[in-house]
Amino acid sequence: MVDFEKAAINALENTFLACVYGCFFHLKYSIYRRIQANGLATLYQQDRDLALELMMLPCLAFVHEIDVIDCFNILMHEYPQSGKTVAKYFEDNYIGKQLPNCSRRNHLFLSECGTCIKE
């Protein structure tokens, strides 16, 4: 188990030829750092609804990997505007940025070993 540093994940997978799982604490912490970087820390502490919505993002780690994108899209349907920048960061870095052809670029979260739930 490691934090979500792509270089560390690649090195461990190449060296040990095994799945490397990300740490849930580091996933949540990276989202909180993004909340701070976007100037939302005070709003996050004061607005319980926004805090709940933002903390739903790391919970996608407990959704079956084939359902993560659909669940993310459901969350985004009524996501508060103030949290959209954090959600976009999460999508781009953990789920994979959606490309014009509706495919997704490389991602950390939906890799072969990305979520906690497997078939």
PDB file of N, CA and C in Angstrom:
ATOM      1  N   MET A   1       0.843  -1.148   0.000  1.00  0.00           N
ATOM      2  CA  MET A   1       0.000   0.000   0.000  1.00  0.00           C
ATOM      3  C   MET A   1       0.907   1.235   0.000  1.00  0.00           C
ATOM      4  N   VAL A   2       0.581   2.182  -0.882  1.00  0.00           N
ATOM      5  CA  VAL A   2       1.381   3.408  -1.007  1.00  0.00           C
ATOM      6  C   VAL A   2       0.450   4.603  -1.158  1.00  0.00           C
ATOM      7  N   ASP A   3       1.044   5.813  -1.099  1.00  0.00           N
ATOM      8  CA  ASP A   3       0.243   6.968  -1.454  1.00  0.00           C
ATOM      9  C   ASP A   3       0.111   6.956  -2.976  1.00  0.00           C
ATOM     10  N   PHE A   4      -0.499   7.959  -3.548  1.00  0.00           N
ATOM     11  CA  PHE A   4      -0.823   7.899  -4.966  1.00  0.00           C
ATOM     12  C   PHE A   4       0.227   8.572  -5.850  1.00  0.00           C
ATOM     13  N   GLU A   5       1.487   8.361  -5.558  1.00  0.00           N
ATOM     14  CA  GLU A   5       2.565   8.868  -6.396  1.00  0.00           C
ATOM     15  C   GLU A   5       2.774   7.889  -7.543  1.00  0.00           C
ATOM     16  N   LYS A   6       2.529   8.355  -8.751  1.00  0.00           N
ATOM     17  CA  LYS A   6       2.581   7.478  -9.926  1.00  0.00           C
ATOM     18  C   LYS A   6       3.947   6.822 -10.091  1.00  0.00           C
ATOM     19  N   ALA A   7       5.013   7.548  -9.848  1.00  0.00           N
ATOM     20  CA  ALA A   7       6.356   6.974 -10.002  1.00  0.00           C
ATOM     21  C   ALA A   7       6.574   5.820  -9.029  1.00  0.00           C
ATOM     22  N   ALA A   8       6.133   5.987  -7.792  1.00  0.00           N
ATOM     23  CA  ALA A   8       6.290   4.914  -6.797  1.00  0.00           C
ATOM     24  C   ALA A   8       5.458   3.697  -7.174  1.00  0.00           C
ATOM     25  N   ILE A   9       4.248   3.928  -7.633  1.00  0.00           N
ATOM     26  CA  ILE A   9       3.378   2.819  -8.047  1.00  0.00           C
ATOM     27  C   ILE A   9       4.011   2.055  -9.197  1.00  0.00           C
ATOM     28  N   ASN A  10       4.486   2.783 -10.211  1.00  0.00           N
ATOM     29  CA  ASN A  10       5.115   2.126 -11.369  1.00  0.00           C
ATOM     30  C   ASN A  10       6.341   1.326 -10.954  1.00  0.00           C
ATOM     31  N   ALA A  11       7.186   1.910 -10.116  1.00  0.00           N
ATOM     32  CA  ALA A  11       8.407   1.218  -9.690  1.00  0.00           C
ATOM     33  C   ALA A  11       8.079  -0.058  -8.923  1.00  0.00           C
ATOM     34  N   LEU A  12       7.128   0.013  -8.025  1.00  0.00           N
ATOM     35  CA  LEU A  12       6.757  -1.172  -7.247  1.00  0.00           C
ATOM     36  C   LEU A  12       6.125  -2.250  -8.123  1.00  0.00           C
ATOM     37  N   GLU A  13       5.257  -1.852  -9.035  1.00  0.00           N
ATOM     38  CA  GLU A  13       4.621  -2.835  -9.922  1.00  0.00           C
ATOM     39  C   GLU A  13       5.646  -3.496 -10.832  1.00  0.00           C
ATOM     40  N   ASN A  14       6.585  -2.713 -11.341  1.00  0.00           N
ATOM     41  CA  ASN A  14       7.610  -3.274 -12.227  1.00  0.00           C
ATOM     42  C   ASN A  14       8.598  -4.155 -11.481  1.00  0.00           C
ATOM     43  N   THR A  15       8.924  -3.794 -10.260  1.00  0.00           N
ATOM     44  CA  THR A  15       9.892  -4.561  -9.478  1.00  0.00           C
ATOM     45  C   THR A  15       9.301  -5.852  -8.934  1.00  0.00           C
ATOM     46  N   PHE A  16       8.099  -5.764  -8.397  1.00  0.00           N
ATOM     47  CA  PHE A  16       7.522  -6.920  -7.718  1.00  0.00           C
ATOM     48  C   PHE A  16       6.450  -7.641  -8.534  1.00  0.00           C
ATOM     49  N   LEU A  17       6.105  -7.092  -9.704  1.00  0.00           N
ATOM     50  CA  LEU A  17       5.112  -7.704 -10.585  1.00  0.00           C
ATOM     51  C   LEU A  17       3.830  -8.053  -9.834  1.00  0.00           C
ATOM     52  N   ALA A  18       3.363  -7.121  -9.045  1.00  0.00           N
ATOM     53  CA  ALA A  18       2.154  -7.354  -8.254  1.00  0.00           C
ATOM     54  C   ALA A  18       1.321  -6.078  -8.218  1.00  0.00           C
ATOM     55  N   CYS A  19       0.089  -6.221  -7.789  1.00  0.00           N
ATOM     56  CA  CYS A  19      -0.781  -5.065  -7.638  1.00  0.00           C
ATOM     57  C   CYS A  19      -0.311  -4.207  -6.472  1.00  0.00           C
ATOM     58  N   VAL A  20      -0.361  -2.922  -6.677  1.00  0.00           N
ATOM     59  CA  VAL A  20      -0.031  -1.973  -5.626  1.00  0.00           C
ATOM     60  C   VAL A  20      -1.306  -1.192  -5.333  1.00  0.00           C
ATOM     61  N   TYR A  21      -1.711  -1.178  -4.086  1.00  0.00           N
ATOM     62  CA  TYR A  21      -2.938  -0.499  -3.700  1.00  0.00           C
ATOM     63  C   TYR A  21      -2.631   0.844  -3.070  1.00  0.00           C
ATOM     64  N   GLY A  22      -3.474   1.828  -3.378  1.00  0.00           N
ATOM     65  CA  GLY A  22      -3.324   3.141  -2.782  1.00  0.00           C
ATOM     66  C   GLY A  22      -3.886   3.167  -1.374  1.00  0.00           C
ATOM     67  N   CYS A  23      -3.402   4.079  -0.586  1.00  0.00           N
ATOM     68  CA  CYS A  23      -3.813   4.239   0.809  1.00  0.00           C
ATOM     69  C   CYS A  23      -5.018   5.188   0.874  1.00  0.00           C
ATOM     70  N   PHE A  24      -6.086   4.744   1.528  1.00  0.00           N
ATOM     71  CA  PHE A  24      -7.300   5.548   1.634  1.00  0.00           C
ATOM     72  C   PHE A  24      -7.024   6.865   2.366  1.00  0.00           C
ATOM     73  N   PHE A  25      -6.198   6.832   3.401  1.00  0.00           N
ATOM     74  CA  PHE A  25      -5.847   8.057   4.120  1.00  0.00           C
ATOM     75  C   PHE A  25      -5.217   9.070   3.168  1.00  0.00           C
ATOM     76  N   HIS A  26      -4.269   8.620   2.339  1.00  0.00           N
ATOM     77  CA  HIS A  26      -3.598   9.537   1.416  1.00  0.00           C
ATOM     78  C   HIS A  26      -4.552  10.050   0.339  1.00  0.00           C
ATOM     79  N   LEU A  27      -5.495   9.220  -0.070  1.00  0.00           N
ATOM     80  CA  LEU A  27      -6.499   9.667  -1.035  1.00  0.00           C
ATOM     81  C   LEU A  27      -7.328  10.799  -0.427  1.00  0.00           C
ATOM     82  N   LYS A  28      -7.827  10.593   0.783  1.00  0.00           N
ATOM     83  CA  LYS A  28      -8.617  11.632   1.448  1.00  0.00           C
ATOM     84  C   LYS A  28      -7.776  12.883   1.704  1.00  0.00           C
ATOM     85  N   TYR A  29      -6.520  12.680   2.089  1.00  0.00           N
ATOM     86  CA  TYR A  29      -5.653  13.821   2.376  1.00  0.00           C
ATOM     87  C   TYR A  29      -5.365  14.630   1.112  1.00  0.00           C
ATOM     88  N   SER A  30      -5.192  13.958  -0.013  1.00  0.00           N
ATOM     89  CA  SER A  30      -4.932  14.693  -1.258  1.00  0.00           C
ATOM     90  C   SER A  30      -6.145  15.531  -1.651  1.00  0.00           C
ATOM     91  N   ILE A  31      -7.334  15.027  -1.375  1.00  0.00           N
ATOM     92  CA  ILE A  31      -8.540  15.807  -1.658  1.00  0.00           C
ATOM     93  C   ILE A  31      -8.610  17.008  -0.716  1.00  0.00           C
ATOM     94  N   TYR A  32      -8.287  16.800   0.549  1.00  0.00           N
ATOM     95  CA  TYR A  32      -8.310  17.921   1.486  1.00  0.00           C
ATOM     96  C   TYR A  32      -7.256  18.977   1.115  1.00  0.00           C
ATOM     97  N   ARG A  33      -6.092  18.550   0.671  1.00  0.00           N
ATOM     98  CA  ARG A  33      -5.073  19.513   0.208  1.00  0.00           C
ATOM     99  C   ARG A  33      -5.604  20.318  -0.971  1.00  0.00           C
ATOM    100  N   ARG A  34      -6.358  19.680  -1.860  1.00  0.00           N
ATOM    101  CA  ARG A  34      -6.942  20.388  -3.006  1.00  0.00           C
ATOM    102  C   ARG A  34      -8.009  21.365  -2.521  1.00  0.00           C
ATOM    103  N   ILE A  35      -8.785  20.976  -1.528  1.00  0.00           N
ATOM    104  CA  ILE A  35      -9.776  21.884  -0.938  1.00  0.00           C
ATOM    105  C   ILE A  35      -9.069  23.128  -0.411  1.00  0.00           C
ATOM    106  N   GLN A  36      -7.960  22.940   0.295  1.00  0.00           N
ATOM    107  CA  GLN A  36      -7.184  24.070   0.817  1.00  0.00           C
ATOM    108  C   GLN A  36      -6.601  24.908  -0.314  1.00  0.00           C
ATOM    109  N   ALA A  37      -6.043  24.250  -1.330  1.00  0.00           N
ATOM    110  CA  ALA A  37      -5.416  24.968  -2.447  1.00  0.00           C
ATOM    111  C   ALA A  37      -6.426  25.819  -3.211  1.00  0.00           C
ATOM    112  N   ASN A  38      -7.670  25.390  -3.233  1.00  0.00           N
ATOM    113  CA  ASN A  38      -8.710  26.143  -3.935  1.00  0.00           C
ATOM    114  C   ASN A  38      -9.404  27.166  -3.038  1.00  0.00           C
ATOM    115  N   GLY A  39      -8.873  27.362  -1.831  1.00  0.00           N
ATOM    116  CA  GLY A  39      -9.431  28.359  -0.929  1.00  0.00           C
ATOM    117  C   GLY A  39     -10.790  27.990  -0.356  1.00  0.00           C
ATOM    118  N   LEU A  40     -11.069  26.704  -0.251  1.00  0.00           N
ATOM    119  CA  LEU A  40     -12.374  26.245   0.223  1.00  0.00           C
ATOM    120  C   LEU A  40     -12.351  25.713   1.653  1.00  0.00           C
ATOM    121  N   ALA A  41     -11.227  25.817   2.347  1.00  0.00           N
ATOM    122  CA  ALA A  41     -11.103  25.201   3.674  1.00  0.00           C
ATOM    123  C   ALA A  41     -12.127  25.757   4.662  1.00  0.00           C
ATOM    124  N   THR A  42     -12.311  27.073   4.692  1.00  0.00           N
ATOM    125  CA  THR A  42     -13.278  27.669   5.620  1.00  0.00           C
ATOM    126  C   THR A  42     -14.694  27.252   5.261  1.00  0.00           C
ATOM    127  N   LEU A  43     -15.022  27.325   3.977  1.00  0.00           N
ATOM    128  CA  LEU A  43     -16.351  26.911   3.525  1.00  0.00           C
ATOM    129  C   LEU A  43     -16.582  25.431   3.815  1.00  0.00           C
ATOM    130  N   TYR A  44     -15.557  24.624   3.615  1.00  0.00           N
ATOM    131  CA  TYR A  44     -15.632  23.189   3.896  1.00  0.00           C
ATOM    132  C   TYR A  44     -15.943  22.940   5.373  1.00  0.00           C
ATOM    133  N   GLN A  45     -15.351  23.726   6.252  1.00  0.00           N
ATOM    134  CA  GLN A  45     -15.580  23.561   7.693  1.00  0.00           C
ATOM    135  C   GLN A  45     -16.945  24.081   8.129  1.00  0.00           C
ATOM    136  N   GLN A  46     -17.482  25.070   7.409  1.00  0.00           N
ATOM    137  CA  GLN A  46     -18.743  25.688   7.811  1.00  0.00           C
ATOM    138  C   GLN A  46     -19.964  25.072   7.137  1.00  0.00           C
ATOM    139  N   ASP A  47     -19.810  24.552   5.949  1.00  0.00           N
ATOM    140  CA  ASP A  47     -20.938  24.028   5.171  1.00  0.00           C
ATOM    141  C   ASP A  47     -20.911  22.500   5.192  1.00  0.00           C
ATOM    142  N   ARG A  48     -21.741  21.916   6.039  1.00  0.00           N
ATOM    143  CA  ARG A  48     -21.756  20.459   6.203  1.00  0.00           C
ATOM    144  C   ARG A  48     -22.160  19.745   4.912  1.00  0.00           C
ATOM    145  N   ASP A  49     -23.061  20.348   4.140  1.00  0.00           N
ATOM    146  CA  ASP A  49     -23.494  19.719   2.889  1.00  0.00           C
ATOM    147  C   ASP A  49     -22.346  19.655   1.886  1.00  0.00           C
ATOM    148  N   LEU A  50     -21.604  20.751   1.772  1.00  0.00           N
ATOM    149  CA  LEU A  50     -20.445  20.757   0.879  1.00  0.00           C
ATOM    150  C   LEU A  50     -19.409  19.746   1.349  1.00  0.00           C
ATOM    151  N   ALA A  51     -19.138  19.714   2.644  1.00  0.00           N
ATOM    152  CA  ALA A  51     -18.162  18.760   3.186  1.00  0.00           C
ATOM    153  C   ALA A  51     -18.579  17.328   2.876  1.00  0.00           C
ATOM    154  N   LEU A  52     -19.854  17.026   3.023  1.00  0.00           N
ATOM    155  CA  LEU A  52     -20.350  15.684   2.728  1.00  0.00           C
ATOM    156  C   LEU A  52     -20.145  15.343   1.255  1.00  0.00           C
ATOM    157  N   GLU A  53     -20.487  16.270   0.375  1.00  0.00           N
ATOM    158  CA  GLU A  53     -20.314  16.034  -1.064  1.00  0.00           C
ATOM    159  C   GLU A  53     -18.844  15.805  -1.408  1.00  0.00           C
ATOM    160  N   LEU A  54     -17.966  16.624  -0.853  1.00  0.00           N
ATOM    161  CA  LEU A  54     -16.542  16.484  -1.158  1.00  0.00           C
ATOM    162  C   LEU A  54     -15.971  15.174  -0.625  1.00  0.00           C
ATOM    163  N   MET A  55     -16.446  14.726   0.516  1.00  0.00           N
ATOM    164  CA  MET A  55     -15.929  13.479   1.087  1.00  0.00           C
ATOM    165  C   MET A  55     -16.561  12.236   0.461  1.00  0.00           C
ATOM    166  N   MET A  56     -17.521  12.437  -0.443  1.00  0.00           N
ATOM    167  CA  MET A  56     -18.046  11.302  -1.204  1.00  0.00           C
ATOM    168  C   MET A  56     -17.052  10.862  -2.280  1.00  0.00           C
ATOM    169  N   LEU A  57     -16.189  11.765  -2.699  1.00  0.00           N
ATOM    170  CA  LEU A  57     -15.226  11.426  -3.757  1.00  0.00           C
ATOM    171  C   LEU A  57     -14.316  10.264  -3.374  1.00  0.00           C
ATOM    172  N   PRO A  58     -13.626  10.312  -2.226  1.00  0.00           N
ATOM    173  CA  PRO A  58     -12.755   9.176  -1.906  1.00  0.00           C
ATOM    174  C   PRO A  58     -13.529   7.892  -1.632  1.00  0.00           C
ATOM    175  N   CYS A  59     -14.802   8.014  -1.305  1.00  0.00           N
ATOM    176  CA  CYS A  59     -15.605   6.809  -1.051  1.00  0.00           C
ATOM    177  C   CYS A  59     -15.815   5.988  -2.318  1.00  0.00           C
ATOM    178  N   LEU A  60     -15.524   6.564  -3.462  1.00  0.00           N
ATOM    179  CA  LEU A  60     -15.596   5.796  -4.710  1.00  0.00           C
ATOM    180  C   LEU A  60     -14.603   4.637  -4.704  1.00  0.00           C
ATOM    181  N   ALA A  61     -13.643   4.669  -3.792  1.00  0.00           N
ATOM    182  CA  ALA A  61     -12.699   3.551  -3.658  1.00  0.00           C
ATOM    183  C   ALA A  61     -13.409   2.275  -3.222  1.00  0.00           C
ATOM    184  N   PHE A  62     -14.611   2.415  -2.682  1.00  0.00           N
ATOM    185  CA  PHE A  62     -15.352   1.255  -2.193  1.00  0.00           C
ATOM    186  C   PHE A  62     -16.474   0.831  -3.135  1.00  0.00           C
ATOM    187  N   VAL A  63     -16.495   1.431  -4.314  1.00  0.00           N
ATOM    188  CA  VAL A  63     -17.456   1.070  -5.352  1.00  0.00           C
ATOM    189  C   VAL A  63     -16.764   0.089  -6.286  1.00  0.00           C
ATOM    190  N   HIS A  64     -17.508  -0.870  -6.793  1.00  0.00           N
ATOM    191  CA  HIS A  64     -16.920  -1.833  -7.731  1.00  0.00           C
ATOM    192  C   HIS A  64     -16.290  -1.069  -8.891  1.00  0.00           C
ATOM    193  N   GLU A  65     -15.106  -1.489  -9.302  1.00  0.00           N
ATOM    194  CA  GLU A  65     -14.340  -0.723 -10.290  1.00  0.00           C
ATOM    195  C   GLU A  65     -15.088  -0.479 -11.592  1.00  0.00           C
ATOM    196  N   ILE A  66     -15.975  -1.381 -12.005  1.00  0.00           N
ATOM    197  CA  ILE A  66     -16.695  -1.153 -13.264  1.00  0.00           C
ATOM    198  C   ILE A  66     -17.809  -0.118 -13.101  1.00  0.00           C
ATOM    199  N   ASP A  67     -18.149   0.236 -11.861  1.00  0.00           N
ATOM    200  CA  ASP A  67     -19.215   1.203 -11.604  1.00  0.00           C
ATOM    201  C   ASP A  67     -18.704   2.580 -11.192  1.00  0.00           C
ATOM    202  N   VAL A  68     -17.409   2.746 -11.050  1.00  0.00           N
ATOM    203  CA  VAL A  68     -16.857   4.003 -10.528  1.00  0.00           C
ATOM    204  C   VAL A  68     -17.231   5.192 -11.404  1.00  0.00           C
ATOM    205  N   ILE A  69     -17.079   5.079 -12.704  1.00  0.00           N
ATOM    206  CA  ILE A  69     -17.364   6.221 -13.582  1.00  0.00           C
ATOM    207  C   ILE A  69     -18.840   6.583 -13.524  1.00  0.00           C
ATOM    208  N   ASP A  70     -19.719   5.589 -13.563  1.00  0.00           N
ATOM    209  CA  ASP A  70     -21.152   5.872 -13.466  1.00  0.00           C
ATOM    210  C   ASP A  70     -21.493   6.533 -12.134  1.00  0.00           C
ATOM    211  N   CYS A  71     -20.932   6.029 -11.056  1.00  0.00           N
ATOM    212  CA  CYS A  71     -21.185   6.623  -9.731  1.00  0.00           C
ATOM    213  C   CYS A  71     -20.636   8.043  -9.651  1.00  0.00           C
ATOM    214  N   PHE A  72     -19.472   8.271 -10.225  1.00  0.00           N
ATOM    215  CA  PHE A  72     -18.905   9.624 -10.251  1.00  0.00           C
ATOM    216  C   PHE A  72     -19.840  10.559 -11.015  1.00  0.00           C
ATOM    217  N   ASN A  73     -20.337  10.113 -12.159  1.00  0.00           N
ATOM    218  CA  ASN A  73     -21.247  10.948 -12.949  1.00  0.00           C
ATOM    219  C   ASN A  73     -22.537  11.243 -12.192  1.00  0.00           C
ATOM    220  N   ILE A  74     -23.036  10.274 -11.436  1.00  0.00           N
ATOM    221  CA  ILE A  74     -24.227  10.507 -10.610  1.00  0.00           C
ATOM    222  C   ILE A  74     -23.935  11.567  -9.550  1.00  0.00           C
ATOM    223  N   LEU A  75     -22.779  11.464  -8.902  1.00  0.00           N
ATOM    224  CA  LEU A  75     -22.400  12.477  -7.909  1.00  0.00           C
ATOM    225  C   LEU A  75     -22.328  13.866  -8.540  1.00  0.00           C
ATOM    226  N   MET A  76     -21.793  13.949  -9.748  1.00  0.00           N
ATOM    227  CA  MET A  76     -21.590  15.239 -10.401  1.00  0.00           C
ATOM    228  C   MET A  76     -22.889  15.867 -10.872  1.00  0.00           C
ATOM    229  N   HIS A  77     -23.926  15.065 -11.032  1.00  0.00           N
ATOM    230  CA  HIS A  77     -25.198  15.575 -11.553  1.00  0.00           C
ATOM    231  C   HIS A  77     -25.742  16.732 -10.712  1.00  0.00           C
ATOM    232  N   GLU A  78     -25.643  16.623  -9.399  1.00  0.00           N
ATOM    233  CA  GLU A  78     -26.152  17.686  -8.531  1.00  0.00           C
ATOM    234  C   GLU A  78     -25.069  18.218  -7.596  1.00  0.00           C
ATOM    235  N   TYR A  79     -23.824  18.151  -8.037  1.00  0.00           N
ATOM    236  CA  TYR A  79     -22.707  18.590  -7.203  1.00  0.00           C
ATOM    237  C   TYR A  79     -22.743  20.103  -7.040  1.00  0.00           C
ATOM    238  N   PRO A  80     -22.447  20.617  -5.844  1.00  0.00           N
ATOM    239  CA  PRO A  80     -22.451  22.070  -5.649  1.00  0.00           C
ATOM    240  C   PRO A  80     -21.354  22.738  -6.486  1.00  0.00           C
ATOM    241  N   GLN A  81     -21.687  23.882  -7.041  1.00  0.00           N
ATOM    242  CA  GLN A  81     -20.746  24.598  -7.901  1.00  0.00           C
ATOM    243  C   GLN A  81     -19.439  24.891  -7.173  1.00  0.00           C
ATOM    244  N   SER A  82     -19.514  25.191  -5.887  1.00  0.00           N
ATOM    245  CA  SER A  82     -18.304  25.531  -5.132  1.00  0.00           C
ATOM    246  C   SER A  82     -17.331  24.362  -5.030  1.00  0.00           C
ATOM    247  N   GLY A  83     -17.802  23.133  -5.183  1.00  0.00           N
ATOM    248  CA  GLY A  83     -16.933  21.964  -5.096  1.00  0.00           C
ATOM    249  C   GLY A  83     -16.489  21.404  -6.428  1.00  0.00           C
ATOM    250  N   LYS A  84     -16.935  22.009  -7.526  1.00  0.00           N
ATOM    251  CA  LYS A  84     -16.642  21.456  -8.861  1.00  0.00           C
ATOM    252  C   LYS A  84     -15.150  21.433  -9.182  1.00  0.00           C
ATOM    253  N   THR A  85     -14.382  22.400  -8.694  1.00  0.00           N
ATOM    254  CA  THR A  85     -12.947  22.407  -9.002  1.00  0.00           C
ATOM    255  C   THR A  85     -12.242  21.231  -8.335  1.00  0.00           C
ATOM    256  N   VAL A  86     -12.671  20.884  -7.132  1.00  0.00           N
ATOM    257  CA  VAL A  86     -12.093  19.731  -6.435  1.00  0.00           C
ATOM    258  C   VAL A  86     -12.504  18.445  -7.144  1.00  0.00           C
ATOM    259  N   ALA A  87     -13.761  18.371  -7.556  1.00  0.00           N
ATOM    260  CA  ALA A  87     -14.249  17.189  -8.271  1.00  0.00           C
ATOM    261  C   ALA A  87     -13.517  17.023  -9.601  1.00  0.00           C
ATOM    262  N   LYS A  88     -13.253  18.128 -10.283  1.00  0.00           N
ATOM    263  CA  LYS A  88     -12.525  18.074 -11.557  1.00  0.00           C
ATOM    264  C   LYS A  88     -11.105  17.564 -11.331  1.00  0.00           C
ATOM    265  N   TYR A  89     -10.458  18.030 -10.269  1.00  0.00           N
ATOM    266  CA  TYR A  89      -9.126  17.541  -9.910  1.00  0.00           C
ATOM    267  C   TYR A  89      -9.169  16.033  -9.669  1.00  0.00           C
ATOM    268  N   PHE A  90     -10.162  15.585  -8.911  1.00  0.00           N
ATOM    269  CA  PHE A  90     -10.301  14.158  -8.612  1.00  0.00           C
ATOM    270  C   PHE A  90     -10.496  13.364  -9.905  1.00  0.00           C
ATOM    271  N   GLU A  91     -11.361  13.858 -10.765  1.00  0.00           N
ATOM    272  CA  GLU A  91     -11.607  13.165 -12.035  1.00  0.00           C
ATOM    273  C   GLU A  91     -10.331  13.087 -12.868  1.00  0.00           C
ATOM    274  N   ASP A  92      -9.658  14.202 -13.031  1.00  0.00           N
ATOM    275  CA  ASP A  92      -8.460  14.241 -13.874  1.00  0.00           C
ATOM    276  C   ASP A  92      -7.342  13.353 -13.342  1.00  0.00           C
ATOM    277  N   ASN A  93      -7.187  13.286 -12.029  1.00  0.00           N
ATOM    278  CA  ASN A  93      -6.045  12.588 -11.451  1.00  0.00           C
ATOM    279  C   ASN A  93      -6.309  11.170 -10.997  1.00  0.00           C
ATOM    280  N   TYR A  94      -7.526  10.861 -10.621  1.00  0.00           N
ATOM    281  CA  TYR A  94      -7.796   9.535 -10.066  1.00  0.00           C
ATOM    282  C   TYR A  94      -8.691   8.675 -10.949  1.00  0.00           C
ATOM    283  N   ILE A  95      -9.624   9.282 -11.649  1.00  0.00           N
ATOM    284  CA  ILE A  95     -10.491   8.510 -12.534  1.00  0.00           C
ATOM    285  C   ILE A  95      -9.948   8.538 -13.955  1.00  0.00           C
ATOM    286  N   GLY A  96      -9.396   9.641 -14.355  1.00  0.00           N
ATOM    287  CA  GLY A  96      -8.853   9.810 -15.701  1.00  0.00           C
ATOM    288  C   GLY A  96      -9.648  10.855 -16.449  1.00  0.00           C
ATOM    289  N   LYS A  97      -8.964  11.861 -16.933  1.00  0.00           N
ATOM    290  CA  LYS A  97      -9.618  12.956 -17.640  1.00  0.00           C
ATOM    291  C   LYS A  97     -10.365  12.415 -18.849  1.00  0.00           C
ATOM    292  N   GLN A  98     -11.615  12.858 -18.992  1.00  0.00           N
ATOM    293  CA  GLN A  98     -12.403  12.404 -20.134  1.00  0.00           C
ATOM    294  C   GLN A  98     -11.939  13.144 -21.385  1.00  0.00           C
ATOM    295  N   LEU A  99     -11.691  12.375 -22.441  1.00  0.00           N
ATOM    296  CA  LEU A  99     -11.226  12.921 -23.706  1.00  0.00           C
ATOM    297  C   LEU A  99     -12.417  13.193 -24.616  1.00  0.00           C
ATOM    298  N   PRO A 100     -12.228  13.983 -25.687  1.00  0.00           N
ATOM    299  CA  PRO A 100     -13.343  14.301 -26.585  1.00  0.00           C
ATOM    300  C   PRO A 100     -14.042  13.065 -27.171  1.00  0.00           C
ATOM    301  N   ASN A 101     -13.317  11.971 -27.321  1.00  0.00           N
ATOM    302  CA  ASN A 101     -13.934  10.761 -27.881  1.00  0.00           C
ATOM    303  C   ASN A 101     -14.612   9.911 -26.800  1.00  0.00           C
ATOM    304  N   CYS A 102     -14.801  10.478 -25.608  1.00  0.00           N
ATOM    305  CA  CYS A 102     -15.464   9.842 -24.449  1.00  0.00           C
ATOM    306  C   CYS A 102     -14.629   8.755 -23.779  1.00  0.00           C
ATOM    307  N   SER A 103     -13.413   8.510 -24.248  1.00  0.00           N
ATOM    308  CA  SER A 103     -12.531   7.597 -23.518  1.00  0.00           C
ATOM    309  C   SER A 103     -11.866   8.412 -22.408  1.00  0.00           C
ATOM    310  N   ARG A 104     -11.053   7.756 -21.609  1.00  0.00           N
ATOM    311  CA  ARG A 104     -10.373   8.461 -20.525  1.00  0.00           C
ATOM    312  C   ARG A 104      -8.878   8.233 -20.634  1.00  0.00           C
ATOM    313  N   ARG A 105      -8.111   9.260 -20.275  1.00  0.00           N
ATOM    314  CA  ARG A 105      -6.660   9.114 -20.296  1.00  0.00           C
ATOM    315  C   ARG A 105      -6.228   8.271 -19.103  1.00  0.00           C
ATOM    316  N   ASN A 106      -4.949   7.967 -19.027  1.00  0.00           N
ATOM    317  CA  ASN A 106      -4.421   7.155 -17.926  1.00  0.00           C
ATOM    318  C   ASN A 106      -4.832   7.738 -16.580  1.00  0.00           C
ATOM    319  N   HIS A 107      -4.992   6.881 -15.622  1.00  0.00           N
ATOM    320  CA  HIS A 107      -5.504   7.273 -14.326  1.00  0.00           C
ATOM    321  C   HIS A 107      -4.825   6.460 -13.237  1.00  0.00           C
ATOM    322  N   LEU A 108      -4.925   6.922 -12.024  1.00  0.00           N
ATOM    323  CA  LEU A 108      -4.366   6.204 -10.880  1.00  0.00           C
ATOM    324  C   LEU A 108      -5.406   5.308 -10.221  1.00  0.00           C
ATOM    325  N   PHE A 109      -6.615   5.769 -10.167  1.00  0.00           N
ATOM    326  CA  PHE A 109      -7.644   5.140  -9.360  1.00  0.00           C
ATOM    327  C   PHE A 109      -8.238   3.900 -10.013  1.00  0.00           C
ATOM    328  N   LEU A 110      -8.425   3.953 -11.303  1.00  0.00           N
ATOM    329  CA  LEU A 110      -9.088   2.849 -11.995  1.00  0.00           C
ATOM    330  C   LEU A 110      -8.108   1.907 -12.660  1.00  0.00           C
ATOM    331  N   SER A 111      -6.910   1.849 -12.139  1.00  0.00           N
ATOM    332  CA  SER A 111      -5.954   0.887 -12.672  1.00  0.00           C
ATOM    333  C   SER A 111      -6.404  -0.507 -12.281  1.00  0.00           C
ATOM    334  N   GLU A 112      -5.699  -1.500 -12.738  1.00  0.00           N
ATOM    335  CA  GLU A 112      -6.057  -2.885 -12.458  1.00  0.00           C
ATOM    336  C   GLU A 112      -6.226  -3.136 -10.966  1.00  0.00           C
ATOM    337  N   CYS A 113      -5.503  -2.418 -10.155  1.00  0.00           N
ATOM    338  CA  CYS A 113      -5.550  -2.637  -8.699  1.00  0.00           C
ATOM    339  C   CYS A 113      -6.084  -1.412  -7.967  1.00  0.00           C
ATOM    340  N   GLY A 114      -6.841  -0.574  -8.634  1.00  0.00           N
ATOM    341  CA  GLY A 114      -7.198   0.716  -8.069  1.00  0.00           C
ATOM    342  C   GLY A 114      -8.245   0.770  -6.990  1.00  0.00           C
ATOM    343  N   THR A 115      -9.322  -0.001  -7.083  1.00  0.00           N
ATOM    344  CA  THR A 115     -10.363   0.111  -6.072  1.00  0.00           C
ATOM    345  C   THR A 115     -10.321  -1.076  -5.124  1.00  0.00           C
ATOM    346  N   CYS A 116     -11.034  -0.948  -4.049  1.00  0.00           N
ATOM    347  CA  CYS A 116     -11.057  -2.011  -3.033  1.00  0.00           C
ATOM    348  C   CYS A 116     -11.921  -3.194  -3.453  1.00  0.00           C
ATOM    349  N   ILE A 117     -12.861  -2.967  -4.362  1.00  0.00           N
ATOM    350  CA  ILE A 117     -13.837  -3.990  -4.732  1.00  0.00           C
ATOM    351  C   ILE A 117     -13.474  -4.572  -6.086  1.00  0.00           C
ATOM    352  N   LYS A 118     -13.305  -5.875  -6.137  1.00  0.00           N
ATOM    353  CA  LYS A 118     -12.960  -6.582  -7.376  1.00  0.00           C
ATOM    354  C   LYS A 118     -14.043  -7.594  -7.690  1.00  0.00           C
ATOM    355  N   GLU A 119     -14.022  -8.081  -8.923  1.00  0.00           N
ATOM    356  CA  GLU A 119     -14.968  -9.140  -9.300  1.00  0.00           C
ATOM    357  C   GLU A 119     -14.595 -10.433  -8.642  1.00  0.00           C
TER     358      GLU A 119
END
